[in-house]
Amino acid sequence: MKLINYLLIVTLVVVCNVGLLVKSQGVQIWIDPIQGTDLITCGSNATSACNSLYTAFESFKNSSNVNTTSVMFHLADGTYYASKNNSNIELLGYQNIVIQPSPESTVGVVWDGESVSSLFTMIEATNETSYQTSVTMNKITFTNSFSNTTGGGIFYISLQGNQTSVTLTINECTFTSNTLDNSTTIDNNYPSKGLGSVLFFESGDNVTAVSTLSISKSVFTRSIARSAIIFIDSEQMSTSITDSEFTLNYGSSASCLFSYSAVNINQTIFQNNKVMADGGALYLNSVMSPNSIYQSTFTDNQAGNGGAILIRDAYLQLKETTFNRNSAKVRGGSIHAIGDTCNLVFNDCTFNNSVASTGGAIAQESGGSFQFSTTEFLNNEAIQGGSLYLTLQVEGTFQSTSILFSNADQGGAIYASDVKLTFLSGNQISNNIAQNGGSVFCSASVLNITGTLFQNNTDTLTSSSEEKETGGKIIPNDANIYCSLTPSFTFCTVVGEDQYTGYCGEEDIDQKKSGLSAGAIAGIVIGSIAGAAILAFGLGFVITSKVSIKSYFRALRDDMTHEEINNDDDE
C-alpha cells in the first residue's frame, strides 16, 4: 500500500512538472500538408502532424492539459493552400504565436493564397475588450493572396479596445505576386478600397495602446494594390523595417507603404516601384509621430508626385540614404513634401539623376522646414528647380551641401518662391545651368548667404537679370542668381556676406548729371504732355495698383531718351 501511494505521488510530481514546462515554454504543434491528419488530437510530433493550420489550432484549443496561449507551429516543407483550411485564421488574443518551418525543413514553406483574402485576421468587434496579441512569422513565402474591398490580403487587423494591441513580427519572409481582387481597379483617384495587398491595420478612435510591426530580412515583390503593400490606417502603430527589399510593386498610390503613424526604416532597398498618383514607394502622413530612414536606397521609383516618397505634415529624418534615378510627372522626382508641419532633416544623403516637372530631386511647399547637412545633389533635372523646388513659406538651411550639374528652365539648382533660405558654411553650387538663374531662380524670397561657393553656373538667356515692364533693370550678378520681379515689384532679398548683399532689388539707372531730380523731371514732362487731369487719373491708377508714386515717376523717366531730357533742359 505504501508502494502504491509512493508511485501515485511520483506520478503527480511528473505530471505537475510537465504542466509547468508546457506553461513556461508554450506548446509545439507540427503541421504537414501532405502527410498530416485532421484528427483533433493531431500535432504533438512530426509523425502525428496536423494537415492544416486550422486543424492545428483546433487541436491546440481542445487540449485538456494545456493552460497557455503561447504556441509554436512547425511547418513541414511544402505548399499550404488557402482552400485547404489555411485561411481566415483568427489570431487575436494569443499572447505568443510563432509560425515557422520545422527544424527538419530543407526546401522551404510556401503559403499559396489562391486568391483568397486575409489568410490571418485579428478582428475586435467591440471596444469593451482588451487583448495583447503577439504573432511571429519566420522564413515563409506568401504568394497569390489578394485584398478585397476591406483590404489586407494576408494580414487584416482591426482593433477597437482601448488597451488592445498587436505585436506582429516578420522575419526572413518573402511576399510575391499578392494583389487586389478583380473588382477593384487601379486609377489616379485616392485609394478607397483594396488597401494593403499584404497587410491592413486600423484601430478605433478610442484605442490608446500602441501596436508594433517589425519587419526584417524580408522581400516584397511583384505585388499590386490600390494603395500599398502595407497600409497603416491608424496613429497607434509603430513600424520598423530593417534589411529588407521592396521591388517591382505597383499601385495607385504608395506601392510599398502608406502610414498615418511612425515608420523607422534601416538598410532597406526600394527599387522599380511605380504608382500613378503619390509616393512611388512610401506615403508618410504621421502628423503626431516622427519618421526616420537610415542607410537605405531608393532607385528607379516612379509616381505622379514624389517619385520615391510623398510626405505630408510629418517629420522625417534621413541619414546616409541614396536616391538614384527616381522620377515624378509633376513634383518631386525623389521626394514631395507638403504642409506647414512637414519638417525634413537630411544628413549624408545623395540625390542623383532624378527628374520631375518641378523639383528634380525634391519639391517642398505650403510651409514646413528642411535642413541639409553634408548632402549632395548631382545631375538632377526639371523645368523649375533642377534639384530643389521650394515655395509657399518654406524655410530651410544648407550646411556642407553641394548642388552640382543640375539643369532646368528656371533655377538650375534651386527654384525659390516665397521662402526663406539660409546658406551656412561649406556649401557649393556649381556647374548648374538654366535659362534663368543657373544657380537660383529667386522670387519674393530671402536668401541669407555665407560660406557658399557659386562657380561655373550658366544662364542661357538673361544673365540673371530681368527687365522691368516700365523700364529699368535689375543689376546682374556673378552668382547666377536670377532676381525675378514676378509677382510684380516683389523683390528677392539677398543678405549675408558683403559680396552677396544687394544682389537683388536694385535698379540699374543711368544717373546723368542734372540740376533737377528724377521726380522733378518726370513731373515737368507729364505736365507738359497731359495736364493736371490726366496726372490725377494716373496717380489714382498707381495708388489702386499698389505701386509707389516714386517708382511710378522713376519708371516714366527711364522710358525717356537722353535726347528728350536734354531738350527739356534747354527749354
Protein backbone atom coordinates (compact mmCIF):
# COMPACT_ATOMS: atom_id res chain seq x y z
CA MET A 1 0.00 0.00 0.00
CA LYS A 2 2.86 2.36 0.81
CA LEU A 3 4.47 1.50 -2.53
CA ILE A 4 1.25 2.37 -4.41
CA ASN A 5 0.98 5.70 -2.58
CA TYR A 6 4.62 6.44 -3.41
CA LEU A 7 4.05 5.71 -7.09
CA LEU A 8 0.99 7.96 -7.12
CA ILE A 9 2.99 10.79 -5.57
CA VAL A 10 5.79 10.35 -8.14
CA THR A 11 3.25 10.31 -10.96
CA LEU A 12 1.63 13.51 -9.72
CA VAL A 13 5.02 15.20 -9.44
CA VAL A 14 5.92 14.21 -13.01
CA VAL A 15 2.58 15.46 -14.38
CA CYS A 16 2.92 18.72 -12.49
CA ASN A 17 6.45 19.21 -13.83
CA VAL A 18 5.28 18.56 -17.39
CA GLY A 19 2.47 21.08 -16.92
CA LEU A 20 4.90 23.73 -15.72
CA LEU A 21 7.15 23.05 -18.70
CA VAL A 22 4.28 23.47 -21.15
CA LYS A 23 3.09 26.63 -19.45
CA SER A 24 6.51 28.30 -19.34
CA GLN A 25 7.67 27.36 -22.84
CA GLY A 26 4.38 27.12 -24.69
CA VAL A 27 3.07 24.31 -26.85
CA GLN A 28 4.69 22.99 -30.03
CA ILE A 29 2.48 21.63 -32.80
CA TRP A 30 3.60 20.05 -36.09
CA ILE A 31 1.80 20.53 -39.41
CA ASP A 32 2.32 18.60 -42.67
CA PRO A 33 0.06 19.46 -45.67
CA ILE A 34 0.75 16.09 -47.34
CA GLN A 35 1.19 13.50 -44.58
CA GLY A 36 -0.81 15.21 -41.84
CA THR A 37 -4.17 14.23 -40.35
CA ASP A 38 -7.29 16.14 -39.38
CA LEU A 39 -7.75 14.33 -36.06
CA ILE A 40 -8.48 16.66 -33.16
CA THR A 41 -5.56 15.12 -31.27
CA CYS A 42 -3.02 15.76 -34.04
CA GLY A 43 0.23 17.71 -33.92
CA SER A 44 2.15 16.51 -30.87
CA ASN A 45 5.10 15.47 -33.09
CA ALA A 46 6.14 15.20 -36.75
CA THR A 47 4.69 11.70 -37.19
CA SER A 48 1.24 12.76 -35.95
CA ALA A 49 1.25 16.16 -37.66
CA CYS A 50 -1.95 18.07 -38.43
CA ASN A 51 -2.79 18.61 -42.11
CA SER A 52 -3.64 22.34 -41.89
CA LEU A 53 -3.18 25.36 -39.68
CA TYR A 54 -6.90 25.43 -38.89
CA THR A 55 -6.79 21.82 -37.66
CA ALA A 56 -3.66 22.59 -35.64
CA PHE A 57 -5.41 25.49 -33.88
CA GLU A 58 -8.42 23.30 -33.11
CA SER A 59 -6.12 20.67 -31.64
CA PHE A 60 -4.37 23.30 -29.57
CA LYS A 61 -7.61 24.83 -28.24
CA ASN A 62 -9.05 21.43 -27.34
CA SER A 63 -6.01 20.14 -25.46
CA SER A 64 -7.29 19.39 -21.97
CA ASN A 65 -3.90 19.68 -20.27
CA VAL A 66 -2.84 22.99 -21.81
CA ASN A 67 -3.19 26.22 -19.85
CA THR A 68 -1.38 28.75 -22.08
CA THR A 69 -1.95 30.98 -25.07
CA SER A 70 1.62 30.55 -26.34
CA VAL A 71 2.17 28.13 -29.18
CA MET A 72 4.78 27.39 -31.87
CA PHE A 73 3.65 25.80 -35.13
CA HIS A 74 6.28 23.79 -37.04
CA LEU A 75 5.53 23.61 -40.77
CA ALA A 76 6.80 20.70 -42.84
CA ASP A 77 8.19 21.56 -46.27
CA GLY A 78 5.59 22.04 -48.98
CA THR A 79 2.81 24.31 -50.22
CA TYR A 80 0.00 25.31 -47.89
CA TYR A 81 -3.09 26.16 -49.96
CA ALA A 82 -5.65 28.61 -48.59
CA SER A 83 -8.51 26.38 -49.73
CA LYS A 84 -7.20 23.53 -47.57
CA ASN A 85 -8.16 25.15 -44.25
CA ASN A 86 -5.22 27.56 -44.32
CA SER A 87 -7.02 30.93 -44.49
CA ASN A 88 -9.13 33.23 -42.30
CA ILE A 89 -7.29 32.08 -39.19
CA GLU A 90 -8.22 34.32 -36.23
CA LEU A 91 -5.18 35.14 -34.09
CA LEU A 92 -6.48 37.84 -31.73
CA GLY A 93 -5.89 37.15 -28.05
CA TYR A 94 -2.98 34.74 -28.34
CA GLN A 95 -0.12 36.03 -26.25
CA ASN A 96 2.63 34.45 -28.30
CA ILE A 97 2.23 32.65 -31.62
CA VAL A 98 5.21 31.60 -33.76
CA ILE A 99 4.69 30.08 -37.21
CA GLN A 100 7.79 28.80 -38.99
CA PRO A 101 9.30 25.85 -40.92
CA SER A 102 10.09 22.78 -38.88
CA PRO A 103 13.69 22.14 -37.80
CA GLU A 104 13.85 19.42 -40.48
CA SER A 105 13.00 21.86 -43.31
CA THR A 106 15.26 21.79 -46.37
CA VAL A 107 13.31 23.24 -49.34
CA GLY A 108 11.07 25.69 -47.52
CA VAL A 109 7.43 26.58 -46.99
CA VAL A 110 5.09 28.32 -49.46
CA TRP A 111 1.72 29.74 -48.45
CA ASP A 112 -0.49 29.98 -51.54
CA GLY A 113 -3.42 32.35 -51.03
CA GLU A 114 -5.24 31.05 -54.12
CA SER A 115 -6.86 34.47 -54.48
CA VAL A 116 -8.49 34.14 -51.06
CA SER A 117 -8.50 37.31 -48.98
CA SER A 118 -6.97 37.56 -45.50
CA LEU A 119 -5.08 34.45 -44.54
CA PHE A 120 -4.80 35.73 -40.97
CA THR A 121 -7.16 38.07 -39.12
CA MET A 122 -7.13 39.91 -35.81
CA ILE A 123 -10.58 41.48 -35.58
CA GLU A 124 -12.03 43.05 -32.44
CA ALA A 125 -15.71 43.88 -32.90
CA THR A 126 -16.26 45.77 -29.64
CA ASN A 127 -14.40 48.31 -27.53
CA GLU A 128 -15.35 46.50 -24.32
CA THR A 129 -12.43 44.09 -24.55
CA SER A 130 -8.66 44.39 -24.26
CA TYR A 131 -6.23 41.93 -25.81
CA GLN A 132 -2.47 41.77 -26.15
CA THR A 133 -1.54 39.64 -29.12
CA SER A 134 1.91 38.66 -30.38
CA VAL A 135 2.47 36.89 -33.71
CA THR A 136 5.80 35.97 -35.35
CA MET A 137 6.25 34.67 -38.90
CA ASN A 138 9.63 33.21 -39.84
CA LYS A 139 11.02 32.07 -43.22
CA ILE A 140 7.74 31.65 -45.15
CA THR A 141 6.95 32.59 -48.76
CA PHE A 142 3.48 34.10 -49.21
CA THR A 143 2.03 34.29 -52.71
CA ASN A 144 -1.22 34.74 -54.67
CA SER A 145 -3.19 36.47 -51.94
CA PHE A 146 -5.38 39.46 -52.71
CA SER A 147 -7.03 42.31 -50.87
CA ASN A 148 -10.75 42.79 -51.42
CA THR A 149 -12.82 45.87 -50.55
CA THR A 150 -11.77 45.62 -46.89
CA GLY A 151 -8.08 45.15 -47.65
CA GLY A 152 -5.42 43.01 -46.02
CA GLY A 153 -4.54 40.23 -48.43
CA ILE A 154 -2.55 38.27 -45.84
CA PHE A 155 -3.00 40.11 -42.53
CA TYR A 156 -6.18 42.02 -41.70
CA ILE A 157 -6.10 43.74 -38.28
CA SER A 158 -8.94 45.84 -36.86
CA LEU A 159 -8.81 46.86 -33.18
CA GLN A 160 -11.42 48.61 -31.01
CA GLY A 161 -10.49 48.02 -27.35
CA ASN A 162 -8.85 50.91 -25.52
CA GLN A 163 -5.87 48.86 -24.37
CA THR A 164 -5.80 46.29 -27.15
CA SER A 165 -2.51 45.99 -29.01
CA VAL A 166 -0.84 43.69 -31.51
CA THR A 167 2.83 42.88 -31.99
CA LEU A 168 3.46 41.43 -35.45
CA THR A 169 7.00 40.31 -36.29
CA ILE A 170 8.02 39.19 -39.79
CA ASN A 171 11.49 37.66 -40.24
CA GLU A 172 13.10 36.36 -43.45
CA CYS A 173 9.80 36.08 -45.30
CA THR A 174 9.05 36.62 -48.99
CA PHE A 175 5.84 38.19 -50.29
CA THR A 176 5.35 37.87 -54.03
CA SER A 177 2.51 38.29 -56.54
CA ASN A 178 -0.05 39.40 -53.99
CA THR A 179 -2.70 41.65 -55.47
CA LEU A 180 -6.18 43.14 -55.24
CA ASP A 181 -9.40 41.47 -56.33
CA ASN A 182 -10.66 41.71 -59.89
CA SER A 183 -13.46 44.15 -58.97
CA THR A 184 -11.04 46.82 -57.73
CA THR A 185 -9.39 48.93 -60.41
CA ILE A 186 -6.17 50.92 -60.42
CA ASP A 187 -6.66 54.60 -61.26
CA ASN A 188 -5.50 58.07 -60.30
CA ASN A 189 -8.09 58.55 -57.56
CA TYR A 190 -7.17 58.45 -53.91
CA PRO A 191 -7.44 54.82 -52.78
CA SER A 192 -10.64 53.85 -51.01
CA LYS A 193 -10.60 50.06 -51.16
CA GLY A 194 -8.21 47.25 -51.90
CA LEU A 195 -5.84 48.69 -49.30
CA GLY A 196 -2.80 46.68 -48.28
CA SER A 197 -2.23 43.68 -50.53
CA VAL A 198 -0.19 42.15 -47.71
CA LEU A 199 -1.31 43.94 -44.53
CA PHE A 200 -4.09 46.30 -43.49
CA PHE A 201 -4.17 47.77 -39.96
CA GLU A 202 -6.80 50.05 -38.41
CA SER A 203 -7.87 50.97 -34.89
CA GLY A 204 -10.81 52.82 -33.37
CA ASP A 205 -10.52 56.40 -32.14
CA ASN A 206 -10.63 55.25 -28.52
CA VAL A 207 -7.62 52.93 -28.86
CA THR A 208 -4.63 54.33 -26.96
CA ALA A 209 -2.34 51.30 -26.80
CA VAL A 210 0.38 51.29 -29.47
CA SER A 211 0.79 48.24 -31.67
CA THR A 212 4.09 47.22 -33.25
CA LEU A 213 5.02 45.96 -36.71
CA SER A 214 8.61 44.72 -37.12
CA ILE A 215 9.91 43.53 -40.49
CA SER A 216 13.45 42.25 -41.02
CA LYS A 217 15.34 40.50 -43.82
CA SER A 218 12.18 40.15 -45.90
CA VAL A 219 11.36 40.66 -49.59
CA PHE A 220 8.20 42.23 -51.04
CA THR A 221 7.97 41.95 -54.81
CA ARG A 222 5.64 41.96 -57.82
CA SER A 223 2.56 42.89 -55.82
CA ILE A 224 -0.31 45.18 -56.80
CA ALA A 225 -2.57 47.18 -54.50
CA ARG A 226 -5.00 50.04 -54.81
CA SER A 227 -2.75 51.56 -52.19
CA ALA A 228 0.35 49.98 -50.67
CA ILE A 229 1.50 46.52 -49.79
CA ILE A 230 1.32 47.65 -46.17
CA PHE A 231 -1.44 50.12 -45.25
CA ILE A 232 -1.48 51.58 -41.71
CA ASP A 233 -4.74 53.49 -41.16
CA SER A 234 -4.04 54.44 -37.54
CA GLU A 235 -1.80 56.65 -35.42
CA GLN A 236 -1.44 53.84 -32.87
CA MET A 237 1.18 51.78 -34.70
CA SER A 238 4.96 51.82 -34.65
CA THR A 239 6.53 50.28 -37.76
CA SER A 240 10.17 49.27 -38.20
CA ILE A 241 11.64 47.82 -41.40
CA THR A 242 15.23 46.56 -41.43
CA ASP A 243 17.45 44.93 -44.06
CA SER A 244 14.57 44.27 -46.45
CA GLU A 245 13.70 44.78 -50.14
CA PHE A 246 10.68 46.23 -51.93
CA THR A 247 10.91 45.75 -55.70
CA LEU A 248 8.65 45.82 -58.76
CA ASN A 249 5.48 46.71 -56.89
CA TYR A 250 2.67 48.69 -58.49
CA GLY A 251 -0.42 50.60 -57.41
CA SER A 252 -2.50 53.73 -57.46
CA SER A 253 -0.70 55.37 -54.53
CA ALA A 254 2.30 54.39 -52.36
CA SER A 255 3.14 50.98 -53.78
CA CYS A 256 5.04 49.78 -50.70
CA LEU A 257 3.85 51.54 -47.54
CA PHE A 258 1.14 54.03 -46.59
CA SER A 259 1.18 55.07 -42.95
CA TYR A 260 -0.52 57.52 -40.59
CA SER A 261 1.88 56.50 -37.82
CA ALA A 262 5.61 56.38 -37.09
CA VAL A 263 7.84 54.50 -39.52
CA ASN A 264 11.53 53.69 -39.00
CA ILE A 265 13.41 52.19 -41.93
CA ASN A 266 17.01 50.96 -41.88
CA GLN A 267 19.23 49.32 -44.53
CA THR A 268 16.34 48.69 -46.90
CA ILE A 269 16.13 48.79 -50.72
CA PHE A 270 13.21 50.29 -52.66
CA GLN A 271 13.62 49.69 -56.38
CA ASN A 272 11.47 49.81 -59.51
CA ASN A 273 8.23 50.55 -57.68
CA LYS A 274 5.61 52.53 -59.58
CA VAL A 275 2.32 54.29 -58.83
CA MET A 276 0.04 56.56 -60.81
CA ALA A 277 -0.61 59.12 -58.06
CA ASP A 278 1.52 59.94 -54.98
CA GLY A 279 4.58 58.30 -53.43
CA GLY A 280 6.29 55.77 -55.69
CA ALA A 281 7.43 53.73 -52.69
CA LEU A 282 6.25 55.47 -49.49
CA TYR A 283 3.45 57.80 -48.40
CA LEU A 284 4.08 59.11 -44.88
CA ASN A 285 1.35 61.09 -43.13
CA SER A 286 2.15 60.69 -39.43
CA VAL A 287 1.36 64.10 -38.00
CA MET A 288 1.92 63.04 -34.38
CA SER A 289 4.98 60.78 -34.72
CA PRO A 290 8.50 61.14 -36.19
CA ASN A 291 9.76 59.01 -39.07
CA SER A 292 13.32 58.01 -39.92
CA ILE A 293 15.13 56.40 -42.85
CA TYR A 294 18.76 55.32 -42.39
CA GLN A 295 21.29 53.70 -44.74
CA SER A 296 18.69 52.85 -47.38
CA THR A 297 18.44 53.24 -51.17
CA PHE A 298 15.61 54.35 -53.47
CA THR A 299 16.27 53.56 -57.14
CA ASP A 300 14.15 53.84 -60.30
CA ASN A 301 10.87 54.50 -58.50
CA GLN A 302 8.10 56.47 -60.27
CA ALA A 303 4.98 58.43 -59.33
CA GLY A 304 2.83 61.39 -60.26
CA ASN A 305 4.21 63.29 -57.23
CA GLY A 306 7.09 62.12 -55.07
CA GLY A 307 8.84 59.55 -57.23
CA ALA A 308 10.15 57.71 -54.16
CA ILE A 309 8.43 59.36 -51.17
CA LEU A 310 5.49 61.64 -50.53
CA ILE A 311 5.40 63.09 -47.02
CA ARG A 312 2.55 65.22 -45.70
CA ASP A 313 2.56 67.20 -42.43
CA ALA A 314 5.12 64.89 -40.84
CA TYR A 315 8.67 64.84 -39.51
CA LEU A 316 11.22 62.78 -41.45
CA GLN A 317 14.90 62.32 -40.72
CA LEU A 318 17.05 60.77 -43.45
CA LYS A 319 20.65 59.71 -42.88
CA GLU A 320 23.17 58.02 -45.20
CA THR A 321 20.41 57.35 -47.72
CA THR A 322 20.78 57.42 -51.52
CA PHE A 323 18.21 58.32 -54.18
CA ASN A 324 19.02 57.26 -57.76
CA ARG A 325 17.06 57.81 -60.98
CA ASN A 326 13.68 58.38 -59.37
CA SER A 327 11.10 60.36 -61.34
CA ALA A 328 7.76 62.14 -61.00
CA LYS A 329 5.44 63.51 -63.65
CA VAL A 330 4.69 66.64 -61.64
CA ARG A 331 6.57 67.41 -58.40
CA GLY A 332 9.49 65.92 -56.55
CA GLY A 333 11.46 63.41 -58.61
CA SER A 334 12.51 61.69 -55.38
CA ILE A 335 10.57 63.46 -52.60
CA HIS A 336 7.47 65.65 -52.50
CA ALA A 337 6.82 67.29 -49.12
CA ILE A 338 3.63 69.20 -48.27
CA GLY A 339 2.27 71.00 -45.22
CA ASP A 340 3.24 73.54 -42.57
CA THR A 341 4.16 70.81 -40.07
CA CYS A 342 6.30 68.93 -42.58
CA ASN A 343 9.89 69.01 -41.32
CA LEU A 344 12.74 67.29 -43.15
CA VAL A 345 16.26 66.66 -41.84
CA PHE A 346 18.93 65.26 -44.19
CA ASN A 347 22.38 64.05 -43.13
CA ASP A 348 24.91 62.46 -45.51
CA CYS A 349 22.33 61.83 -48.23
CA THR A 350 22.74 61.72 -52.03
CA PHE A 351 20.28 62.56 -54.81
CA ASN A 352 21.40 61.54 -58.30
CA ASN A 353 19.75 61.71 -61.74
CA SER A 354 16.22 62.40 -60.51
CA VAL A 355 13.67 64.03 -62.82
CA ALA A 356 10.35 65.89 -62.44
CA SER A 357 8.49 68.86 -63.88
CA THR A 358 9.18 70.83 -60.69
CA GLY A 359 11.88 69.84 -58.22
CA GLY A 360 14.06 67.29 -59.98
CA ALA A 361 15.12 65.80 -56.64
CA ILE A 362 12.86 67.44 -54.03
CA ALA A 363 9.78 69.65 -54.09
CA GLN A 364 8.59 71.18 -50.81
CA GLU A 365 5.65 73.56 -50.49
CA SER A 366 2.99 75.04 -48.23
CA GLY A 367 5.09 75.74 -45.17
CA GLY A 368 7.32 73.44 -43.19
CA SER A 369 11.10 73.38 -42.95
CA PHE A 370 14.19 71.46 -44.01
CA GLN A 371 17.83 71.05 -43.01
CA PHE A 372 20.53 69.76 -45.37
CA SER A 373 23.87 68.70 -43.92
CA THR A 374 26.68 67.02 -45.89
CA THR A 375 24.19 66.17 -48.63
CA GLU A 376 24.87 66.05 -52.38
CA PHE A 377 22.62 66.73 -55.37
CA LEU A 378 24.05 65.63 -58.71
CA ASN A 379 22.68 65.60 -62.29
CA ASN A 380 19.05 66.26 -61.43
CA GLU A 381 16.65 67.83 -63.92
CA ALA A 382 13.33 69.71 -64.01
CA ILE A 383 11.54 72.58 -65.71
CA GLN A 384 11.59 74.55 -62.44
CA GLY A 385 14.24 73.77 -59.84
CA GLY A 386 16.72 71.30 -61.31
CA SER A 387 17.39 69.85 -57.87
CA LEU A 388 15.10 71.77 -55.48
CA TYR A 389 11.71 73.41 -55.89
CA LEU A 390 10.80 75.40 -52.76
CA THR A 391 7.69 77.55 -52.49
CA LEU A 392 4.93 78.95 -50.28
CA GLN A 393 6.59 79.86 -46.96
CA VAL A 394 9.07 77.03 -46.67
CA GLU A 395 12.15 77.76 -44.52
CA GLY A 396 15.40 75.85 -44.76
CA THR A 397 19.15 75.72 -44.11
CA PHE A 398 22.11 74.37 -46.08
CA GLN A 399 25.30 73.18 -44.36
CA SER A 400 28.21 71.50 -46.21
CA THR A 401 25.85 70.69 -49.06
CA SER A 402 26.63 70.62 -52.78
CA ILE A 403 24.33 71.02 -55.79
CA LEU A 404 26.16 70.11 -58.99
CA PHE A 405 25.46 69.61 -62.70
CA SER A 406 21.69 70.05 -62.44
CA ASN A 407 19.60 71.84 -65.03
CA ALA A 408 16.20 73.47 -65.54
CA ASP A 409 14.46 76.26 -67.41
CA GLN A 410 14.20 78.26 -64.19
CA GLY A 411 16.68 77.66 -61.37
CA GLY A 412 19.31 75.17 -62.48
CA ALA A 413 19.98 74.23 -58.86
CA ILE A 414 17.15 75.85 -56.87
CA TYR A 415 13.78 77.43 -57.60
CA ALA A 416 12.77 79.62 -54.64
CA SER A 417 9.46 81.47 -54.40
CA ASP A 418 8.10 83.00 -51.18
CA VAL A 419 10.64 81.17 -48.99
CA LYS A 420 13.48 81.90 -46.56
CA LEU A 421 16.76 80.08 -47.21
CA THR A 422 19.91 80.22 -45.09
CA PHE A 423 23.23 79.06 -46.55
CA LEU A 424 25.75 78.33 -43.81
CA SER A 425 29.37 77.24 -44.28
CA GLY A 426 30.79 74.68 -46.68
CA ASN A 427 28.19 74.80 -49.45
CA GLN A 428 28.91 74.56 -53.17
CA ILE A 429 26.55 75.37 -56.04
CA SER A 430 28.46 74.70 -59.24
CA ASN A 431 28.12 73.72 -62.90
CA ASN A 432 24.35 74.09 -62.99
CA ILE A 433 22.53 75.51 -65.99
CA ALA A 434 19.20 77.21 -66.67
CA GLN A 435 17.61 79.71 -69.00
CA ASN A 436 17.01 81.97 -65.99
CA GLY A 437 19.08 81.51 -62.83
CA GLY A 438 21.82 78.99 -63.44
CA SER A 439 22.21 78.64 -59.67
CA VAL A 440 19.00 80.07 -58.17
CA PHE A 441 15.74 81.45 -59.54
CA CYS A 442 14.58 83.73 -56.73
CA SER A 443 11.13 85.32 -56.43
CA ALA A 444 9.73 87.13 -53.38
CA SER A 445 12.19 85.30 -51.13
CA VAL A 446 15.02 85.97 -48.68
CA LEU A 447 18.42 84.36 -49.25
CA ASN A 448 20.90 84.60 -46.37
CA ILE A 449 24.22 83.53 -47.88
CA THR A 450 27.51 82.86 -46.09
CA GLY A 451 30.28 80.36 -46.77
CA THR A 452 28.89 79.26 -50.13
CA LEU A 453 30.78 78.87 -53.40
CA PHE A 454 28.91 79.74 -56.61
CA GLN A 455 31.01 78.59 -59.54
CA ASN A 456 30.59 77.85 -63.26
CA ASN A 457 26.81 78.18 -63.26
CA THR A 458 25.28 79.26 -66.57
CA ASP A 459 22.30 81.32 -67.71
CA THR A 460 21.43 80.71 -71.33
CA LEU A 461 19.04 83.68 -71.71
CA THR A 462 19.23 86.70 -69.40
CA SER A 463 22.44 86.66 -67.37
CA SER A 464 20.44 86.66 -64.14
CA SER A 465 18.73 89.99 -64.68
CA GLU A 466 15.19 90.95 -65.55
CA GLU A 467 13.85 93.92 -67.44
CA LYS A 468 11.07 95.83 -65.74
CA GLU A 469 7.87 96.31 -67.64
CA THR A 470 8.24 100.07 -67.24
CA GLY A 471 11.98 100.28 -67.81
CA GLY A 472 14.99 100.00 -65.58
CA LYS A 473 16.88 96.82 -64.91
CA ILE A 474 17.93 94.56 -62.07
CA ILE A 475 21.70 94.58 -61.65
CA PRO A 476 23.22 91.28 -62.92
CA ASN A 477 25.36 89.26 -60.50
CA ASP A 478 28.18 86.78 -60.93
CA ALA A 479 26.50 84.13 -58.74
CA ASN A 480 23.87 83.48 -61.43
CA ILE A 481 21.03 84.25 -59.04
CA TYR A 482 18.07 85.33 -61.13
CA CYS A 483 16.14 88.09 -59.38
CA SER A 484 12.58 87.76 -60.56
CA LEU A 485 10.04 90.58 -60.45
CA THR A 486 7.16 88.16 -60.60
CA PRO A 487 4.79 88.80 -58.93
CA SER A 488 5.19 92.49 -59.73
CA PHE A 489 7.58 94.50 -57.57
CA THR A 490 8.20 91.69 -55.05
CA PHE A 491 11.95 91.72 -54.92
CA CYS A 492 14.19 88.86 -53.90
CA THR A 493 16.31 89.96 -50.93
CA VAL A 494 19.87 88.70 -50.58
CA VAL A 495 21.70 89.24 -47.28
CA GLY A 496 24.71 87.74 -45.52
CA GLU A 497 28.30 88.22 -46.65
CA ASP A 498 29.12 91.55 -48.28
CA GLN A 499 29.81 90.04 -51.68
CA TYR A 500 26.20 88.83 -51.91
CA THR A 501 24.20 91.63 -50.28
CA GLY A 502 22.32 93.83 -52.66
CA TYR A 503 22.26 91.27 -55.47
CA CYS A 504 18.54 91.71 -55.97
CA GLY A 505 16.13 94.63 -55.70
CA GLU A 506 18.38 97.38 -57.05
CA GLU A 507 17.69 99.38 -60.21
CA ASP A 508 20.34 99.97 -62.84
CA ILE A 509 19.59 103.66 -63.59
CA ASP A 510 21.85 105.96 -65.58
CA GLN A 511 22.43 108.78 -63.09
CA LYS A 512 23.03 111.56 -65.66
CA LYS A 513 24.13 114.85 -64.09
CA SER A 514 21.24 117.26 -63.87
CA GLY A 515 20.14 120.09 -61.68
CA LEU A 516 16.70 118.55 -61.41
CA SER A 517 15.77 115.42 -59.54
CA ALA A 518 14.30 112.42 -61.33
CA GLY A 519 10.89 113.17 -59.81
CA ALA A 520 11.02 116.81 -60.91
CA ILE A 521 11.92 115.93 -64.47
CA ALA A 522 9.14 113.37 -64.65
CA GLY A 523 6.66 115.93 -63.26
CA ILE A 524 7.62 118.53 -65.86
CA VAL A 525 7.26 116.05 -68.71
CA ILE A 526 3.92 114.82 -67.54
CA GLY A 527 2.63 118.36 -67.02
CA SER A 528 3.68 119.44 -70.49
CA ILE A 529 2.05 116.45 -72.15
CA ALA A 530 -1.14 115.71 -70.35
CA GLY A 531 -2.12 118.33 -67.82
CA ALA A 532 -3.39 118.10 -64.32
CA ALA A 533 -6.49 116.00 -65.04
CA ILE A 534 -4.55 113.20 -66.69
CA LEU A 535 -1.98 113.37 -63.92
CA ALA A 536 -4.69 112.93 -61.30
CA PHE A 537 -6.07 109.98 -63.18
CA GLY A 538 -2.61 108.45 -63.45
CA LEU A 539 -1.93 108.84 -59.75
CA GLY A 540 -5.27 107.25 -58.94
CA PHE A 541 -4.35 104.30 -61.13
CA VAL A 542 -0.98 103.98 -59.43
CA ILE A 543 -2.48 104.02 -55.94
CA THR A 544 -5.11 101.49 -56.95
CA SER A 545 -2.36 99.25 -58.37
CA LYS A 546 -0.44 99.50 -55.08
CA VAL A 547 2.66 100.90 -56.84
CA SER A 548 4.53 103.73 -55.08
CA ILE A 549 4.40 107.23 -56.60
CA LYS A 550 8.18 107.39 -56.50
CA SER A 551 8.62 104.21 -58.51
CA TYR A 552 5.95 105.35 -60.98
CA PHE A 553 7.74 108.64 -61.71
CA ARG A 554 11.08 106.88 -61.89
CA ALA A 555 9.74 104.38 -64.38
CA LEU A 556 8.38 107.20 -66.56
CA ARG A 557 11.72 108.92 -66.52
CA ASP A 558 13.54 105.73 -67.51
CA ASP A 559 11.32 105.48 -70.60
CA MET A 560 12.59 108.85 -71.83
CA THR A 561 15.65 109.06 -74.06
CA HIS A 562 18.66 111.19 -73.18
CA GLU A 563 17.79 113.49 -76.12
CA GLU A 564 14.31 114.17 -74.74
CA ILE A 565 15.75 115.05 -71.35
CA ASN A 566 18.35 117.37 -72.90
CA ASN A 567 15.65 119.13 -74.93
CA ASP A 568 13.62 119.71 -71.79
CA ASP A 569 16.71 121.09 -70.04
CA ASP A 570 17.35 123.54 -72.91
CA GLU A 571 13.81 124.86 -72.70
